[in-house]
Amino acid sequence: MDDHGDAYVQLFMDETTFYNRVVLGSFLPMKLWDPLPHFIQTWFRNYIGGTLVYLLSGFLWCFYIYYLKRNVFVPKDAIPSNKAMLLQMYVAMKAMPWYCALPTLSEYMVENGWTRCFSRIRDVGWPAYFVYLAIYLVIVEFGIYWMHRELHDIKPLYKYLHATHHIYNKQNTLSPFAGLAFHPLDGILQAVPHVIALFLVPTHFTSHIALLFLEAIWTANIHDCIHAKAWPVMGAGYHTIHHTTYRHNYGHYTIWMDWMFGTLRDPKDDESKVM
């Protein structure tokens, strides 16, 4: 790599160092963190950030829908017990150290110039940024759909990995805290498309990190059992059906992949059958 390339890669290192200092320095003086290798500091930052995002988003959303808006969004008999939610938190927090290894590894690869990431939007311009972002999201959507589907279709993967998540299969057992309640390897596999995309399309580094952490908020949302009816978003109405039938609605952000590959089941169809 030439001097220009080295200087550009240094931008990524400077950025991750800044994030580390902001997060880690908020808990302990940086002089206590500085002896640790940069890679370990990054893992700690991701672990702290991931834990805070998961717990805060889960607690705030549960408080809103189960207490402030009690019986408005979710019927009283469909509210999960505290015991069920605590179990989901336990499963998620046990897996969190492993989940955080993936963004730490992806940042390491970016910092070494192995991906197609770019540091500044002005390096490509806003029109190209949005085009690249759209392609990135399509790759992620396609990858997560097939990863999720194979976790169901390949029996050993389901039995030893994905079944951990599917013990929550009724409305009164699903909650926002179920969003990250996976076997660690299962959760990592479903996030791998985010990393694969870095090698296929130019990606804004900060946007990549933000989207990885958005996963914690998004998965909380799609496990609250509230059908937002925001077509073509793969919201909780669709995802609740996935947890009850096991064979539909594998998609992530949208319904498009399920529509294309014949696995879509619309909540409206279930409502019409009940009526």
C-alpha atoms as a PDB file:
ATOM      1  CA  MET A   1       0.000   0.000   0.000  1.00  0.00           C
ATOM      2  CA  ASP A   2       1.373   3.434  -0.968  1.00  0.00           C
ATOM      3  CA  ASP A   3       1.630   6.435   1.336  1.00  0.00           C
ATOM      4  CA  HIS A   4      -1.724   7.785   0.141  1.00  0.00           C
ATOM      5  CA  GLY A   5      -3.347   4.441   0.862  1.00  0.00           C
ATOM      6  CA  ASP A   6      -1.729   4.292   4.290  1.00  0.00           C
ATOM      7  CA  ALA A   7      -2.974   7.789   5.072  1.00  0.00           C
ATOM      8  CA  TYR A   8      -6.519   6.921   4.018  1.00  0.00           C
ATOM      9  CA  VAL A   9      -6.589   3.715   6.062  1.00  0.00           C
ATOM     10  CA  GLN A  10      -5.376   5.773   9.022  1.00  0.00           C
ATOM     11  CA  LEU A  11      -8.676   7.685   8.811  1.00  0.00           C
ATOM     12  CA  PHE A  12     -10.512   4.503   9.792  1.00  0.00           C
ATOM     13  CA  MET A  13      -8.124   3.897  12.674  1.00  0.00           C
ATOM     14  CA  ASP A  14      -8.584   7.479  13.862  1.00  0.00           C
ATOM     15  CA  GLU A  15     -12.351   7.072  13.691  1.00  0.00           C
ATOM     16  CA  THR A  16     -12.478   3.855  15.702  1.00  0.00           C
ATOM     17  CA  THR A  17     -10.023   5.311  18.216  1.00  0.00           C
ATOM     18  CA  PHE A  18     -12.371   8.284  18.654  1.00  0.00           C
ATOM     19  CA  TYR A  19     -15.367   5.986  19.220  1.00  0.00           C
ATOM     20  CA  ASN A  20     -13.374   3.966  21.719  1.00  0.00           C
ATOM     21  CA  ARG A  21     -12.412   7.035  23.678  1.00  0.00           C
ATOM     22  CA  VAL A  22     -15.960   8.426  23.729  1.00  0.00           C
ATOM     23  CA  VAL A  23     -17.536   5.177  24.977  1.00  0.00           C
ATOM     24  CA  LEU A  24     -14.787   3.717  27.142  1.00  0.00           C
ATOM     25  CA  GLY A  25     -13.790   7.084  28.591  1.00  0.00           C
ATOM     26  CA  SER A  26     -17.375   7.554  29.782  1.00  0.00           C
ATOM     27  CA  PHE A  27     -16.921   4.653  32.210  1.00  0.00           C
ATOM     28  CA  LEU A  28     -13.269   4.657  33.232  1.00  0.00           C
ATOM     29  CA  PRO A  29     -10.339   7.057  32.638  1.00  0.00           C
ATOM     30  CA  MET A  30      -8.642   6.304  29.305  1.00  0.00           C
ATOM     31  CA  LYS A  31      -5.303   5.818  31.068  1.00  0.00           C
ATOM     32  CA  LEU A  32      -6.778   2.539  32.349  1.00  0.00           C
ATOM     33  CA  TRP A  33      -7.844   1.468  28.853  1.00  0.00           C
ATOM     34  CA  ASP A  34      -4.750   2.612  26.939  1.00  0.00           C
ATOM     35  CA  PRO A  35      -2.526  -0.372  27.865  1.00  0.00           C
ATOM     36  CA  LEU A  36      -5.007  -2.688  26.128  1.00  0.00           C
ATOM     37  CA  PRO A  37      -4.483  -3.461  22.410  1.00  0.00           C
ATOM     38  CA  HIS A  38      -6.683  -1.431  20.073  1.00  0.00           C
ATOM     39  CA  PHE A  39      -8.609  -4.561  19.011  1.00  0.00           C
ATOM     40  CA  ILE A  40      -9.514  -5.349  22.644  1.00  0.00           C
ATOM     41  CA  GLN A  41     -10.548  -1.745  23.282  1.00  0.00           C
ATOM     42  CA  THR A  42     -12.822  -1.945  20.254  1.00  0.00           C
ATOM     43  CA  TRP A  43     -14.406  -5.157  21.540  1.00  0.00           C
ATOM     44  CA  PHE A  44     -15.071  -3.577  24.934  1.00  0.00           C
ATOM     45  CA  ARG A  45     -16.604  -0.544  23.243  1.00  0.00           C
ATOM     46  CA  ASN A  46     -18.872  -2.737  21.114  1.00  0.00           C
ATOM     47  CA  TYR A  47     -19.826  -4.819  24.138  1.00  0.00           C
ATOM     48  CA  ILE A  48     -20.741  -1.765  26.218  1.00  0.00           C
ATOM     49  CA  GLY A  49     -22.533  -0.101  23.315  1.00  0.00           C
ATOM     50  CA  GLY A  50     -24.397  -3.253  22.318  1.00  0.00           C
ATOM     51  CA  THR A  51     -25.498  -3.937  25.881  1.00  0.00           C
ATOM     52  CA  LEU A  52     -26.734  -0.375  26.396  1.00  0.00           C
ATOM     53  CA  VAL A  53     -28.637  -0.310  23.106  1.00  0.00           C
ATOM     54  CA  TYR A  54     -30.239  -3.695  23.799  1.00  0.00           C
ATOM     55  CA  LEU A  55     -31.262  -3.000  27.388  1.00  0.00           C
ATOM     56  CA  LEU A  56     -32.341   0.621  26.930  1.00  0.00           C
ATOM     57  CA  SER A  57     -34.386  -0.029  23.792  1.00  0.00           C
ATOM     58  CA  GLY A  58     -35.948  -3.117  25.372  1.00  0.00           C
ATOM     59  CA  PHE A  59     -36.813  -1.511  28.715  1.00  0.00           C
ATOM     60  CA  LEU A  60     -38.153   1.711  27.196  1.00  0.00           C
ATOM     61  CA  TRP A  61     -40.287  -0.068  24.620  1.00  0.00           C
ATOM     62  CA  CYS A  62     -41.636  -2.627  27.119  1.00  0.00           C
ATOM     63  CA  PHE A  63     -42.454   0.153  29.573  1.00  0.00           C
ATOM     64  CA  TYR A  64     -44.313   2.053  26.854  1.00  0.00           C
ATOM     65  CA  ILE A  65     -46.386  -0.793  25.389  1.00  0.00           C
ATOM     66  CA  TYR A  66     -46.970  -2.908  28.509  1.00  0.00           C
ATOM     67  CA  TYR A  67     -47.467  -0.172  31.127  1.00  0.00           C
ATOM     68  CA  LEU A  68     -48.020   3.332  29.719  1.00  0.00           C
ATOM     69  CA  LYS A  69     -50.197   1.961  26.896  1.00  0.00           C
ATOM     70  CA  ARG A  70     -51.442  -1.114  28.710  1.00  0.00           C
ATOM     71  CA  ASN A  71     -54.166  -2.964  26.757  1.00  0.00           C
ATOM     72  CA  VAL A  72     -53.873  -0.471  23.877  1.00  0.00           C
ATOM     73  CA  PHE A  73     -51.352  -2.229  21.619  1.00  0.00           C
ATOM     74  CA  VAL A  74     -51.209  -5.629  23.285  1.00  0.00           C
ATOM     75  CA  PRO A  75     -54.138  -7.413  24.998  1.00  0.00           C
ATOM     76  CA  LYS A  76     -53.659  -8.098  28.702  1.00  0.00           C
ATOM     77  CA  ASP A  77     -53.532 -11.864  28.167  1.00  0.00           C
ATOM     78  CA  ALA A  78     -50.800 -11.461  25.531  1.00  0.00           C
ATOM     79  CA  ILE A  79     -48.328  -9.560  27.725  1.00  0.00           C
ATOM     80  CA  PRO A  80     -45.341 -11.825  28.448  1.00  0.00           C
ATOM     81  CA  SER A  81     -44.497 -12.521  32.067  1.00  0.00           C
ATOM     82  CA  ASN A  82     -41.557 -10.884  33.772  1.00  0.00           C
ATOM     83  CA  LYS A  83     -40.047 -14.357  34.088  1.00  0.00           C
ATOM     84  CA  ALA A  84     -40.194 -14.849  30.293  1.00  0.00           C
ATOM     85  CA  MET A  85     -38.580 -11.461  29.650  1.00  0.00           C
ATOM     86  CA  LEU A  86     -35.838 -12.090  32.204  1.00  0.00           C
ATOM     87  CA  LEU A  87     -35.061 -15.399  30.514  1.00  0.00           C
ATOM     88  CA  GLN A  88     -34.780 -13.614  27.158  1.00  0.00           C
ATOM     89  CA  MET A  89     -32.423 -11.063  28.692  1.00  0.00           C
ATOM     90  CA  TYR A  90     -30.340 -13.855  30.188  1.00  0.00           C
ATOM     91  CA  VAL A  91     -30.009 -15.637  26.817  1.00  0.00           C
ATOM     92  CA  ALA A  92     -29.174 -12.388  25.017  1.00  0.00           C
ATOM     93  CA  MET A  93     -26.617 -11.197  27.549  1.00  0.00           C
ATOM     94  CA  LYS A  94     -24.927 -14.603  27.606  1.00  0.00           C
ATOM     95  CA  ALA A  95     -24.487 -14.277  23.828  1.00  0.00           C
ATOM     96  CA  MET A  96     -23.575 -10.573  23.786  1.00  0.00           C
ATOM     97  CA  PRO A  97     -19.781 -11.040  24.216  1.00  0.00           C
ATOM     98  CA  TRP A  98     -19.792 -13.271  21.129  1.00  0.00           C
ATOM     99  CA  TYR A  99     -22.079 -10.985  19.124  1.00  0.00           C
ATOM    100  CA  CYS A 100     -19.609  -8.152  19.664  1.00  0.00           C
ATOM    101  CA  ALA A 101     -16.786 -10.149  18.110  1.00  0.00           C
ATOM    102  CA  LEU A 102     -18.304  -9.664  14.636  1.00  0.00           C
ATOM    103  CA  PRO A 103     -18.302  -5.831  14.485  1.00  0.00           C
ATOM    104  CA  THR A 104     -14.880  -5.861  16.148  1.00  0.00           C
ATOM    105  CA  LEU A 105     -13.569  -8.161  13.411  1.00  0.00           C
ATOM    106  CA  SER A 106     -15.220  -6.129  10.648  1.00  0.00           C
ATOM    107  CA  GLU A 107     -13.613  -2.950  12.000  1.00  0.00           C
ATOM    108  CA  TYR A 108     -10.240  -4.695  12.101  1.00  0.00           C
ATOM    109  CA  MET A 109     -10.595  -5.616   8.429  1.00  0.00           C
ATOM    110  CA  VAL A 110     -11.619  -2.075   7.539  1.00  0.00           C
ATOM    111  CA  GLU A 111      -8.697  -0.587   9.490  1.00  0.00           C
ATOM    112  CA  ASN A 112      -6.311  -2.804   7.504  1.00  0.00           C
ATOM    113  CA  GLY A 113      -7.724  -1.750   4.145  1.00  0.00           C
ATOM    114  CA  TRP A 114      -9.145  -5.166   3.249  1.00  0.00           C
ATOM    115  CA  THR A 115     -12.670  -3.968   2.440  1.00  0.00           C
ATOM    116  CA  ARG A 116     -14.243  -1.482   0.012  1.00  0.00           C
ATOM    117  CA  CYS A 117     -15.180   0.948   2.781  1.00  0.00           C
ATOM    118  CA  PHE A 118     -14.775   4.676   2.380  1.00  0.00           C
ATOM    119  CA  SER A 119     -14.357   7.044   5.302  1.00  0.00           C
ATOM    120  CA  ARG A 120     -15.944  10.298   4.138  1.00  0.00           C
ATOM    121  CA  ILE A 121     -19.128  10.789   2.127  1.00  0.00           C
ATOM    122  CA  ARG A 122     -17.439  13.607   0.209  1.00  0.00           C
ATOM    123  CA  ASP A 123     -15.023  11.021  -1.199  1.00  0.00           C
ATOM    124  CA  VAL A 124     -17.851   9.608  -3.350  1.00  0.00           C
ATOM    125  CA  GLY A 125     -20.549  12.298  -3.203  1.00  0.00           C
ATOM    126  CA  TRP A 126     -24.094  12.105  -1.852  1.00  0.00           C
ATOM    127  CA  PRO A 127     -25.739  10.549  -4.956  1.00  0.00           C
ATOM    128  CA  ALA A 128     -23.201   7.687  -5.009  1.00  0.00           C
ATOM    129  CA  TYR A 129     -23.496   7.303  -1.230  1.00  0.00           C
ATOM    130  CA  PHE A 130     -27.247   6.645  -1.470  1.00  0.00           C
ATOM    131  CA  VAL A 131     -26.806   4.283  -4.425  1.00  0.00           C
ATOM    132  CA  TYR A 132     -24.133   2.304  -2.574  1.00  0.00           C
ATOM    133  CA  LEU A 133     -26.246   2.296   0.588  1.00  0.00           C
ATOM    134  CA  ALA A 134     -29.229   0.920  -1.337  1.00  0.00           C
ATOM    135  CA  ILE A 135     -27.083  -1.851  -2.846  1.00  0.00           C
ATOM    136  CA  TYR A 136     -25.623  -2.612   0.591  1.00  0.00           C
ATOM    137  CA  LEU A 137     -29.108  -2.961   2.065  1.00  0.00           C
ATOM    138  CA  VAL A 138     -30.253  -5.228  -0.775  1.00  0.00           C
ATOM    139  CA  ILE A 139     -27.232  -7.501  -0.177  1.00  0.00           C
ATOM    140  CA  VAL A 140     -27.979  -7.545   3.558  1.00  0.00           C
ATOM    141  CA  GLU A 141     -31.666  -8.249   2.954  1.00  0.00           C
ATOM    142  CA  PHE A 142     -30.909 -11.088   0.539  1.00  0.00           C
ATOM    143  CA  GLY A 143     -28.194 -12.544   2.763  1.00  0.00           C
ATOM    144  CA  ILE A 144     -30.191 -12.451   5.987  1.00  0.00           C
ATOM    145  CA  TYR A 145     -33.256 -13.953   4.277  1.00  0.00           C
ATOM    146  CA  TRP A 146     -31.317 -16.985   3.039  1.00  0.00           C
ATOM    147  CA  MET A 147     -29.260 -17.334   6.189  1.00  0.00           C
ATOM    148  CA  HIS A 148     -32.437 -17.292   8.276  1.00  0.00           C
ATOM    149  CA  ARG A 149     -34.220 -19.683   5.942  1.00  0.00           C
ATOM    150  CA  GLU A 150     -31.352 -22.184   5.970  1.00  0.00           C
ATOM    151  CA  LEU A 151     -31.274 -22.027   9.767  1.00  0.00           C
ATOM    152  CA  HIS A 152     -34.771 -23.477   9.528  1.00  0.00           C
ATOM    153  CA  ASP A 153     -34.314 -25.809   6.557  1.00  0.00           C
ATOM    154  CA  ILE A 154     -31.044 -27.466   7.622  1.00  0.00           C
ATOM    155  CA  LYS A 155     -32.186 -29.601  10.532  1.00  0.00           C
ATOM    156  CA  PRO A 156     -28.926 -29.648  12.566  1.00  0.00           C
ATOM    157  CA  LEU A 157     -28.681 -25.849  12.320  1.00  0.00           C
ATOM    158  CA  TYR A 158     -32.216 -25.502  13.570  1.00  0.00           C
ATOM    159  CA  LYS A 159     -31.881 -28.105  16.318  1.00  0.00           C
ATOM    160  CA  TYR A 160     -28.578 -26.898  17.765  1.00  0.00           C
ATOM    161  CA  LEU A 161     -28.732 -23.170  16.977  1.00  0.00           C
ATOM    162  CA  HIS A 162     -31.990 -21.567  15.893  1.00  0.00           C
ATOM    163  CA  ALA A 163     -34.324 -23.551  18.165  1.00  0.00           C
ATOM    164  CA  THR A 164     -32.964 -21.514  21.080  1.00  0.00           C
ATOM    165  CA  HIS A 165     -34.779 -18.501  19.670  1.00  0.00           C
ATOM    166  CA  HIS A 166     -37.950 -20.327  18.679  1.00  0.00           C
ATOM    167  CA  ILE A 167     -38.915 -21.383  22.165  1.00  0.00           C
ATOM    168  CA  TYR A 168     -40.674 -17.993  22.027  1.00  0.00           C
ATOM    169  CA  ASN A 169     -43.499 -19.011  19.696  1.00  0.00           C
ATOM    170  CA  LYS A 170     -46.642 -17.373  21.072  1.00  0.00           C
ATOM    171  CA  GLN A 171     -47.693 -13.781  21.486  1.00  0.00           C
ATOM    172  CA  ASN A 172     -47.558 -14.058  25.271  1.00  0.00           C
ATOM    173  CA  THR A 173     -43.946 -15.272  25.169  1.00  0.00           C
ATOM    174  CA  LEU A 174     -42.596 -12.774  22.646  1.00  0.00           C
ATOM    175  CA  SER A 175     -41.288  -9.408  23.795  1.00  0.00           C
ATOM    176  CA  PRO A 176     -38.779  -6.807  22.579  1.00  0.00           C
ATOM    177  CA  PHE A 177     -36.147  -8.585  24.680  1.00  0.00           C
ATOM    178  CA  ALA A 178     -36.518 -11.693  22.487  1.00  0.00           C
ATOM    179  CA  GLY A 179     -34.907  -9.752  19.642  1.00  0.00           C
ATOM    180  CA  LEU A 180     -31.372 -10.802  20.583  1.00  0.00           C
ATOM    181  CA  ALA A 181     -32.191 -13.995  22.469  1.00  0.00           C
ATOM    182  CA  PHE A 182     -30.262 -16.333  20.158  1.00  0.00           C
ATOM    183  CA  HIS A 183     -27.580 -18.951  20.385  1.00  0.00           C
ATOM    184  CA  PRO A 184     -24.393 -16.858  19.898  1.00  0.00           C
ATOM    185  CA  LEU A 185     -23.447 -18.502  16.607  1.00  0.00           C
ATOM    186  CA  ASP A 186     -26.985 -18.077  15.293  1.00  0.00           C
ATOM    187  CA  GLY A 187     -26.917 -14.352  15.991  1.00  0.00           C
ATOM    188  CA  ILE A 188     -23.498 -13.994  14.363  1.00  0.00           C
ATOM    189  CA  LEU A 189     -24.526 -15.938  11.247  1.00  0.00           C
ATOM    190  CA  GLN A 190     -27.555 -13.721  10.716  1.00  0.00           C
ATOM    191  CA  ALA A 191     -25.377 -10.600  10.950  1.00  0.00           C
ATOM    192  CA  VAL A 192     -22.615 -11.909   8.646  1.00  0.00           C
ATOM    193  CA  PRO A 193     -24.255 -10.432   5.481  1.00  0.00           C
ATOM    194  CA  HIS A 194     -23.439  -6.980   6.880  1.00  0.00           C
ATOM    195  CA  VAL A 195     -19.744  -7.909   6.748  1.00  0.00           C
ATOM    196  CA  ILE A 196     -19.872  -9.711   3.395  1.00  0.00           C
ATOM    197  CA  ALA A 197     -21.369  -6.556   1.862  1.00  0.00           C
ATOM    198  CA  LEU A 198     -18.211  -4.614   2.802  1.00  0.00           C
ATOM    199  CA  PHE A 199     -16.268  -6.667   0.239  1.00  0.00           C
ATOM    200  CA  LEU A 200     -18.875  -6.319  -2.512  1.00  0.00           C
ATOM    201  CA  VAL A 201     -19.904  -2.668  -2.554  1.00  0.00           C
ATOM    202  CA  PRO A 202     -18.257   0.589  -1.450  1.00  0.00           C
ATOM    203  CA  THR A 203     -19.680   1.269   1.994  1.00  0.00           C
ATOM    204  CA  HIS A 204     -19.540   4.273   4.256  1.00  0.00           C
ATOM    205  CA  PHE A 205     -17.789   3.024   7.387  1.00  0.00           C
ATOM    206  CA  THR A 206     -19.835   4.990   9.927  1.00  0.00           C
ATOM    207  CA  SER A 207     -23.066   3.920   8.240  1.00  0.00           C
ATOM    208  CA  HIS A 208     -21.977   0.278   8.467  1.00  0.00           C
ATOM    209  CA  ILE A 209     -21.359   0.572  12.216  1.00  0.00           C
ATOM    210  CA  ALA A 210     -24.657   2.404  12.737  1.00  0.00           C
ATOM    211  CA  LEU A 211     -26.596  -0.231  10.819  1.00  0.00           C
ATOM    212  CA  LEU A 212     -25.051  -3.037  12.855  1.00  0.00           C
ATOM    213  CA  PHE A 213     -26.183  -1.379  16.080  1.00  0.00           C
ATOM    214  CA  LEU A 214     -29.562  -0.552  14.545  1.00  0.00           C
ATOM    215  CA  GLU A 215     -30.080  -4.324  14.416  1.00  0.00           C
ATOM    216  CA  ALA A 216     -30.603  -4.370  18.195  1.00  0.00           C
ATOM    217  CA  ILE A 217     -33.351  -1.750  17.948  1.00  0.00           C
ATOM    218  CA  TRP A 218     -34.930  -3.282  14.854  1.00  0.00           C
ATOM    219  CA  THR A 219     -35.071  -6.798  16.278  1.00  0.00           C
ATOM    220  CA  ALA A 220     -36.648  -5.426  19.452  1.00  0.00           C
ATOM    221  CA  ASN A 221     -39.331  -3.796  17.309  1.00  0.00           C
ATOM    222  CA  ILE A 222     -40.228  -6.887  15.279  1.00  0.00           C
ATOM    223  CA  HIS A 223     -40.717  -8.992  18.410  1.00  0.00           C
ATOM    224  CA  ASP A 224     -43.275  -6.721  20.089  1.00  0.00           C
ATOM    225  CA  CYS A 225     -46.218  -8.425  18.271  1.00  0.00           C
ATOM    226  CA  ILE A 226     -47.673  -5.056  17.196  1.00  0.00           C
ATOM    227  CA  HIS A 227     -48.655  -5.014  13.536  1.00  0.00           C
ATOM    228  CA  ALA A 228     -47.731  -1.515  12.338  1.00  0.00           C
ATOM    229  CA  LYS A 229     -49.159  -2.080   8.822  1.00  0.00           C
ATOM    230  CA  ALA A 230     -46.307  -0.088   7.277  1.00  0.00           C
ATOM    231  CA  TRP A 231     -46.032  -1.880   3.911  1.00  0.00           C
ATOM    232  CA  PRO A 232     -43.528  -3.080   2.644  1.00  0.00           C
ATOM    233  CA  VAL A 233     -41.777  -3.152   6.028  1.00  0.00           C
ATOM    234  CA  MET A 234     -41.318  -6.591   7.607  1.00  0.00           C
ATOM    235  CA  GLY A 235     -42.786  -5.492  10.910  1.00  0.00           C
ATOM    236  CA  ALA A 236     -43.856  -7.418  13.990  1.00  0.00           C
ATOM    237  CA  GLY A 237     -47.149  -8.489  12.428  1.00  0.00           C
ATOM    238  CA  TYR A 238     -45.251 -10.504   9.847  1.00  0.00           C
ATOM    239  CA  HIS A 239     -42.551 -11.684  12.221  1.00  0.00           C
ATOM    240  CA  THR A 240     -45.045 -12.939  14.798  1.00  0.00           C
ATOM    241  CA  ILE A 241     -46.432 -15.217  12.062  1.00  0.00           C
ATOM    242  CA  HIS A 242     -42.887 -16.479  11.522  1.00  0.00           C
ATOM    243  CA  HIS A 243     -42.713 -17.491  15.176  1.00  0.00           C
ATOM    244  CA  THR A 244     -46.049 -19.311  15.030  1.00  0.00           C
ATOM    245  CA  THR A 245     -45.719 -21.099  11.660  1.00  0.00           C
ATOM    246  CA  TYR A 246     -41.897 -21.459  11.392  1.00  0.00           C
ATOM    247  CA  ARG A 247     -42.198 -21.525   7.564  1.00  0.00           C
ATOM    248  CA  HIS A 248     -43.019 -17.949   6.562  1.00  0.00           C
ATOM    249  CA  ASN A 249     -41.643 -14.415   6.674  1.00  0.00           C
ATOM    250  CA  TYR A 250     -37.903 -15.020   6.947  1.00  0.00           C
ATOM    251  CA  GLY A 251     -37.112 -11.504   5.747  1.00  0.00           C
ATOM    252  CA  HIS A 252     -35.453  -8.750   7.708  1.00  0.00           C
ATOM    253  CA  TYR A 253     -36.381  -5.159   6.890  1.00  0.00           C
ATOM    254  CA  THR A 254     -38.897  -5.731   4.086  1.00  0.00           C
ATOM    255  CA  ILE A 255     -41.260  -8.365   2.706  1.00  0.00           C
ATOM    256  CA  TRP A 256     -39.616  -8.378  -0.742  1.00  0.00           C
ATOM    257  CA  MET A 257     -37.476 -11.491  -0.373  1.00  0.00           C
ATOM    258  CA  ASP A 258     -40.355 -13.530   1.014  1.00  0.00           C
ATOM    259  CA  TRP A 259     -42.544 -12.290  -1.827  1.00  0.00           C
ATOM    260  CA  MET A 260     -39.902 -13.194  -4.428  1.00  0.00           C
ATOM    261  CA  PHE A 261     -39.207 -16.659  -3.017  1.00  0.00           C
ATOM    262  CA  GLY A 262     -42.755 -17.665  -2.112  1.00  0.00           C
ATOM    263  CA  THR A 263     -42.617 -17.619   1.696  1.00  0.00           C
ATOM    264  CA  LEU A 264     -44.667 -14.501   2.405  1.00  0.00           C
ATOM    265  CA  ARG A 265     -47.725 -14.738   4.636  1.00  0.00           C
ATOM    266  CA  ASP A 266     -49.669 -11.550   5.226  1.00  0.00           C
ATOM    267  CA  PRO A 267     -51.191 -10.831   8.665  1.00  0.00           C
ATOM    268  CA  LYS A 268     -54.351  -9.724   6.825  1.00  0.00           C
ATOM    269  CA  ASP A 269     -54.878 -13.293   5.657  1.00  0.00           C
ATOM    270  CA  ASP A 270     -54.763 -14.547   9.249  1.00  0.00           C
ATOM    271  CA  GLU A 271     -57.146 -11.803  10.362  1.00  0.00           C
ATOM    272  CA  SER A 272     -59.653 -12.701   7.635  1.00  0.00           C
ATOM    273  CA  LYS A 273     -59.587 -16.369   8.698  1.00  0.00           C
ATOM    274  CA  VAL A 274     -60.358 -15.409  12.284  1.00  0.00           C
ATOM    275  CA  MET A 275     -63.241 -13.210  11.162  1.00  0.00           C
END
